[in-house]
Protein backbone atom coordinates (compact mmCIF):
# COMPACT_ATOMS: atom_id res chain seq x y z
CA MET A 1 -28.58 -63.60 22.74
CA LYS A 2 -31.35 -61.45 22.46
CA ASP A 3 -29.81 -58.70 25.00
CA VAL A 4 -26.71 -58.90 23.15
CA ASP A 5 -28.56 -57.99 20.03
CA SER A 6 -30.48 -55.23 21.44
CA LYS A 7 -27.30 -53.47 23.16
CA ARG A 8 -25.74 -53.89 19.68
CA TYR A 9 -28.82 -51.91 17.98
CA GLN A 10 -28.76 -49.35 20.74
CA ASP A 11 -25.15 -48.77 20.24
CA VAL A 12 -25.82 -48.25 16.46
CA GLN A 13 -28.59 -45.86 16.89
CA ASP A 14 -26.19 -43.87 19.57
CA LYS A 15 -23.61 -43.54 16.99
CA ILE A 16 -25.90 -42.65 14.32
CA ASN A 17 -27.31 -39.76 17.09
CA ARG A 18 -23.88 -38.61 17.55
CA GLU A 19 -22.96 -38.10 14.14
CA ALA A 20 -26.09 -36.19 13.33
CA VAL A 21 -25.23 -33.36 15.98
CA ASN A 22 -23.06 -30.87 14.27
CA VAL A 23 -21.01 -28.64 16.81
CA ALA A 24 -18.20 -26.92 14.90
CA ALA A 25 -16.24 -27.11 11.58
CA ILE A 26 -12.98 -25.81 10.08
CA VAL A 27 -14.10 -24.05 6.58
CA LYS A 28 -12.36 -22.43 3.86
CA VAL A 29 -14.30 -18.91 2.44
CA THR A 30 -15.44 -19.12 -1.29
CA ARG A 31 -17.62 -16.19 -1.23
CA PHE A 32 -17.75 -13.19 1.08
CA ASP A 33 -20.97 -10.37 0.92
CA SER A 34 -19.73 -7.26 2.54
CA VAL A 35 -23.27 -5.65 2.81
CA LYS A 36 -25.07 -8.86 3.97
CA MET A 37 -22.24 -9.65 6.24
CA THR A 38 -22.38 -13.50 4.88
CA VAL A 39 -20.13 -16.03 3.59
CA ASP A 40 -20.19 -19.53 1.53
CA VAL A 41 -17.89 -21.93 2.98
CA GLN A 42 -16.68 -25.32 2.37
CA PRO A 43 -15.77 -27.40 5.06
CA LEU A 44 -12.34 -28.71 5.18
CA SER A 45 -12.80 -32.03 6.97
CA LYS A 46 -14.13 -35.04 4.69
CA HIS A 47 -16.38 -37.23 6.09
CA LEU A 48 -16.73 -41.28 6.15
CA GLU A 49 -19.79 -42.23 4.01
CA ASN A 50 -20.01 -45.81 2.44
CA GLY A 51 -16.64 -46.49 3.59
CA GLU A 52 -14.78 -43.62 1.90
CA TYR A 53 -14.06 -40.30 2.80
CA GLN A 54 -16.16 -37.60 0.61
CA SER A 55 -16.34 -34.00 0.74
CA GLN A 56 -18.98 -32.21 2.50
CA PRO A 57 -21.49 -30.15 0.49
CA PRO A 58 -20.75 -26.29 0.93
CA ILE A 59 -22.70 -24.26 3.30
CA LEU A 60 -24.35 -21.07 2.05
CA SER A 61 -25.10 -17.48 3.10
CA VAL A 62 -23.53 -18.06 6.63
CA PRO A 63 -24.16 -14.90 8.98
CA VAL A 64 -20.60 -13.40 10.03
CA ALA A 65 -19.98 -12.60 13.74
CA SER A 66 -18.81 -9.27 14.56
CA THR A 67 -18.33 -7.15 17.58
CA GLN A 68 -21.49 -4.79 17.04
CA SER A 69 -23.37 -3.01 20.31
CA GLY A 70 -24.46 0.65 21.11
CA GLY A 71 -24.57 1.79 17.47
CA LEU A 72 -21.08 0.77 17.00
CA ILE A 73 -19.39 -2.31 14.83
CA ILE A 74 -15.75 -3.56 14.24
CA ARG A 75 -16.57 -5.11 11.01
CA PRO A 76 -14.07 -7.90 9.84
CA TRP A 77 -13.12 -7.88 6.18
CA ILE A 78 -12.67 -11.36 4.41
CA LYS A 79 -11.75 -12.73 1.36
CA THR A 80 -11.90 -15.77 -0.73
CA GLY A 81 -9.42 -18.59 0.56
CA ASP A 82 -9.69 -17.47 4.36
CA VAL A 83 -9.84 -20.20 6.77
CA GLY A 84 -11.97 -19.94 9.78
CA LEU A 85 -14.41 -21.77 12.08
CA VAL A 86 -18.46 -22.14 12.18
CA VAL A 87 -20.48 -23.08 14.90
CA TYR A 88 -23.74 -24.61 14.60
CA VAL A 89 -26.41 -23.03 16.44
CA ASP A 90 -29.08 -25.26 18.71
CA HIS A 91 -32.28 -24.27 16.82
CA ASP A 92 -33.43 -22.81 13.35
CA ILE A 93 -31.93 -19.30 13.40
CA ASP A 94 -33.48 -17.95 10.06
CA LYS A 95 -36.07 -15.89 11.61
CA ILE A 96 -33.91 -14.43 14.37
CA VAL A 97 -31.10 -13.53 11.92
CA ALA A 98 -33.62 -11.85 9.95
CA ASN A 99 -35.10 -9.28 12.57
CA GLY A 100 -33.13 -10.21 15.97
CA GLU A 101 -36.32 -10.54 17.73
CA GLU A 102 -37.60 -13.55 19.95
CA THR A 103 -39.55 -15.82 17.78
CA GLU A 104 -40.76 -19.43 17.19
CA PRO A 105 -38.21 -21.50 14.87
CA ASN A 106 -39.14 -22.00 11.38
CA THR A 107 -38.47 -25.46 12.01
CA GLU A 108 -37.90 -28.32 14.60
CA ARG A 109 -33.92 -29.03 13.28
CA ASN A 110 -31.25 -29.35 15.73
CA HIS A 111 -27.54 -28.39 15.42
CA SER A 112 -28.25 -28.00 11.37
CA THR A 113 -25.19 -27.06 8.99
CA SER A 114 -27.99 -24.68 7.98
CA ASP A 115 -27.84 -22.69 11.22
CA ALA A 116 -24.11 -22.24 10.93
CA VAL A 117 -22.60 -18.81 12.00
CA TYR A 118 -18.86 -17.69 10.88
CA MET A 119 -17.05 -17.09 13.94
CA GLY A 120 -13.30 -16.00 12.20
CA GLY A 121 -10.47 -16.99 10.90
CA PHE A 122 -7.29 -17.66 12.63
CA VAL A 123 -3.33 -18.00 11.90
CA LEU A 124 -2.37 -21.33 10.29
CA GLY A 125 0.93 -23.34 11.23
CA ASN A 126 2.25 -22.40 7.95
CA ALA A 127 1.60 -18.67 7.58
CA PRO A 128 2.78 -17.25 11.09
CA ILE A 129 2.55 -13.58 11.32
CA THR A 130 6.13 -11.74 12.59
CA GLY A 131 7.00 -8.21 13.02
CA LEU A 132 3.96 -7.19 15.11
CA PRO A 133 4.66 -5.37 18.54
CA ASP A 134 4.32 -7.35 21.46
CA ASN A 135 2.04 -6.68 24.58
CA ALA A 136 -0.36 -5.03 22.42
CA VAL A 137 -3.87 -5.29 20.84
CA VAL A 138 -3.02 -5.18 17.22
CA ILE A 139 -5.05 -4.52 13.88
CA SER A 140 -2.50 -5.42 10.91
CA THR A 141 -2.21 -6.20 7.30
CA ASP A 142 -1.20 -10.19 7.17
CA ASP A 143 2.00 -9.20 6.07
CA ALA A 144 2.38 -6.86 9.16
CA LYS A 145 3.55 -3.77 6.93
CA ILE A 146 0.56 -1.73 8.06
CA TRP A 147 -0.59 -1.72 11.40
CA ILE A 148 -1.99 0.23 14.74
CA SER A 149 -1.36 -1.02 18.07
CA VAL A 150 -2.76 -0.04 21.29
CA SER A 151 -0.57 -0.86 24.58
CA GLN A 152 0.02 0.46 27.85
CA ASN A 153 2.91 2.89 26.35
CA GLY A 154 0.01 4.24 23.94
CA VAL A 155 -1.17 4.30 20.13
CA GLN A 156 0.99 3.59 17.35
CA ILE A 157 0.55 3.48 13.82
CA THR A 158 2.71 2.31 10.90
CA GLY A 159 1.90 3.14 7.57
CA ASN A 160 0.10 6.00 5.39
CA MET A 161 -2.35 7.77 7.55
CA ILE A 162 -5.98 9.59 5.94
CA ILE A 163 -8.27 11.57 8.04
CA GLU A 164 -11.32 12.76 6.44
CA ASP A 165 -12.19 14.85 9.27
CA GLU A 166 -10.38 16.83 12.23
CA LEU A 167 -7.33 15.14 14.13
CA GLN A 168 -6.72 16.68 17.51
CA VAL A 169 -3.93 15.14 19.66
CA ASN A 170 -2.93 16.10 23.35
CA GLY A 171 0.79 14.82 22.87
CA ASN A 172 2.78 14.55 20.29
CA VAL A 173 2.35 13.00 16.96
CA ASN A 174 5.22 10.91 15.22
CA ILE A 175 4.19 9.50 11.72
CA LYS A 176 6.91 7.48 9.84
CA GLN A 177 5.26 7.91 6.31
CA ASN A 178 2.87 10.33 4.89
CA LEU A 179 0.18 12.31 6.53
CA THR A 180 -3.04 13.76 4.61
CA VAL A 181 -5.56 15.13 6.70
CA GLY A 182 -9.11 16.54 4.91
CA GLN A 183 -9.72 19.09 7.35
CA ASN A 184 -8.08 20.77 10.74
CA ILE A 185 -5.35 19.12 12.61
CA THR A 186 -4.50 20.03 16.17
CA ALA A 187 -1.96 18.92 18.53
CA VAL A 188 -0.89 20.46 21.83
CA GLY A 189 2.77 18.91 21.46
CA ASN A 190 5.11 18.39 18.55
CA LEU A 191 3.90 17.18 14.92
CA GLU A 192 6.66 15.08 13.56
CA VAL A 193 6.11 13.59 9.76
CA ASP A 194 9.05 11.88 8.26
CA GLY A 195 7.40 11.47 4.97
CA ALA A 196 5.15 14.25 3.06
CA ALA A 197 2.35 16.10 4.80
CA ALA A 198 -1.13 17.54 3.31
CA ILE A 199 -3.29 19.26 5.40
CA TYR A 200 -6.24 20.47 3.45
CA GLY A 201 -7.84 22.30 6.55
CA SER A 202 -6.25 24.49 9.26
CA ALA A 203 -2.94 23.56 11.81
CA SER A 204 -2.89 24.32 15.13
CA ILE A 205 0.52 23.14 16.52
CA GLY A 206 1.46 23.78 19.98
CA GLU A 207 5.01 22.88 19.81
CA ASN A 208 7.33 22.14 16.78
CA ILE A 209 6.59 20.94 13.53
CA TYR A 210 8.88 18.70 11.32
CA ILE A 211 8.07 17.59 7.61
CA GLY A 212 10.70 15.42 5.98
CA LYS A 213 9.37 15.94 2.50
CA ASN A 214 7.03 18.45 0.71
CA ALA A 215 3.99 19.98 2.98
CA ILE A 216 0.96 21.13 1.75
CA ILE A 217 -1.23 23.35 3.97
CA ALA A 218 -4.54 24.74 2.63
CA GLY A 219 -6.10 26.50 5.89
CA ASN A 220 -4.68 29.19 8.38
CA SER A 221 -1.93 27.73 10.44
CA ALA A 222 -0.81 28.62 14.08
CA ILE A 223 2.71 27.27 15.14
CA ASP A 224 3.87 27.95 18.38
CA GLY A 225 7.34 26.51 18.18
CA ASN A 226 9.72 25.82 15.02
CA LEU A 227 8.60 24.87 11.66
CA ASP A 228 11.48 22.53 9.76
CA VAL A 229 10.26 21.37 6.24
CA GLU A 230 13.08 19.49 4.54
CA GLN A 231 11.58 20.19 0.91
CA ASN A 232 8.97 22.55 -0.26
CA LEU A 233 6.13 24.22 1.54
CA THR A 234 2.85 25.38 0.18
CA ALA A 235 0.34 27.34 2.31
CA ASN A 236 -2.53 28.85 0.60
CA ALA A 237 -3.69 30.57 3.49
CA ASN A 238 -2.06 32.74 6.52
CA VAL A 239 0.87 31.09 8.35
CA SER A 240 2.02 32.18 11.89
CA ILE A 241 5.18 30.59 13.21
CA THR A 242 6.63 31.98 16.78
CA GLY A 243 9.63 30.22 16.46
CA ASN A 244 12.33 29.90 13.62
CA ALA A 245 11.08 28.72 10.13
CA ASN A 246 13.80 26.48 8.19
CA ILE A 247 12.72 25.58 4.48
CA GLY A 248 14.77 23.43 2.69
CA GLY A 249 13.01 23.75 -0.64
CA ASP A 250 10.56 26.72 -2.44
CA ILE A 251 8.09 28.39 -0.14
CA SER A 252 4.71 29.15 -1.94
CA VAL A 253 2.48 31.00 0.56
CA THR A 254 -1.04 32.74 -0.97
CA GLY A 255 -1.78 34.46 2.48
CA LYS A 256 0.24 36.08 4.92
CA ILE A 257 3.74 34.83 6.66
CA THR A 258 3.97 35.98 10.43
CA ALA A 259 6.93 34.90 12.12
CA GLY A 260 7.86 35.96 15.76
CA SER A 261 11.71 35.01 15.08
CA ASP A 262 14.24 35.04 12.38
CA VAL A 263 13.49 33.42 8.89
CA ASP A 264 16.43 32.00 7.23
CA ILE A 265 16.18 31.23 3.60
CA ALA A 266 19.22 29.76 1.84
CA GLY A 267 17.65 29.84 -1.64
CA THR A 268 16.08 32.84 -3.59
CA LEU A 269 13.28 35.01 -1.83
CA THR A 270 10.75 36.30 -4.31
CA LEU A 271 7.91 39.05 -3.04
CA ALA A 272 5.49 40.13 -5.59
CA GLY A 273 7.28 38.98 -8.31
CA ILE A 274 10.49 40.84 -7.33
CA ASN A 275 13.79 38.88 -6.37
CA MET A 276 14.79 40.09 -3.15
CA ASN A 277 18.36 38.77 -3.31
CA ASN A 278 19.80 40.82 -6.33
CA HIS A 279 17.00 43.31 -6.88
CA THR A 280 17.95 47.30 -7.48
CA HIS A 281 16.25 50.70 -6.97
CA GLY A 282 15.74 53.20 -9.18
CA GLY A 283 16.03 56.85 -8.34
CA VAL A 284 19.13 56.75 -5.98
CA THR A 285 20.55 60.06 -4.85
CA ARG A 286 22.87 61.27 -2.11
CA GLY A 287 21.39 62.81 0.95
CA TYR A 288 18.14 61.86 2.87
CA ASP A 289 15.81 61.25 -0.35
CA ASN A 290 14.08 58.06 -0.17
CA THR A 291 14.72 55.47 -3.20
CA ASN A 292 12.03 54.18 -5.75
CA PRO A 293 10.27 51.14 -4.82
CA PRO A 294 12.48 48.00 -5.64
CA ASN A 295 12.96 46.68 -9.43
């Protein structure tokens, strides 16, 4: 009988010890600090206490795991309500998280909720993500309206693109919506923009350029192929076009226009304030005399 009581006691102790070891938990984010890269989380699994299931206490200032090395980082963005996973490190992590150096732990605690690390979220079964390309690594909004994919076929971007510095592309560029470039853009192949394009530096395009809406180019531009703009073109510097130019709307150029081929203008051409479509000349006489400048 004594042996039976001893075994029962040991079983109870083993159960208590197992329950005291924290491994991982599914949690909901209640706060995100984007500077310190920490989150406050609420464990979603209730625990049994005194015969009743009760909510677990929140875990505060949990470090967020990210891909960081070699001076580079992929920083996740987290919002309140995100559901993700935390793991509990074997030992006290306070000193290590503070400076990243080998050190003795502050305490002798093991597998404590105080030593949690947020590993990131996951897609819930009732909120699947659809509309993204297959066989690719994708960065996307959860509604799949804006995304970047990398696959064996190349890089594809859906959504507006804003580039603060230079853009250099060795192949063709095809943008389904708008393009805004803060400085220069260089493309060896074609540049095709279905929306509007604003380039605040220079543009060097090795082949053709097509813009579905308005185009603004602030710097000097060299286009070795054709220029096709469905609406208005505004250029605040010189434009050099080797091929044909087809502009559906108005043209406003502060600098020079150099065209190596024909320029076809369906609307009115105005030079230095003079209408070239229906202007007149004064001083017209018979013979070989020159006329006056256009009116």
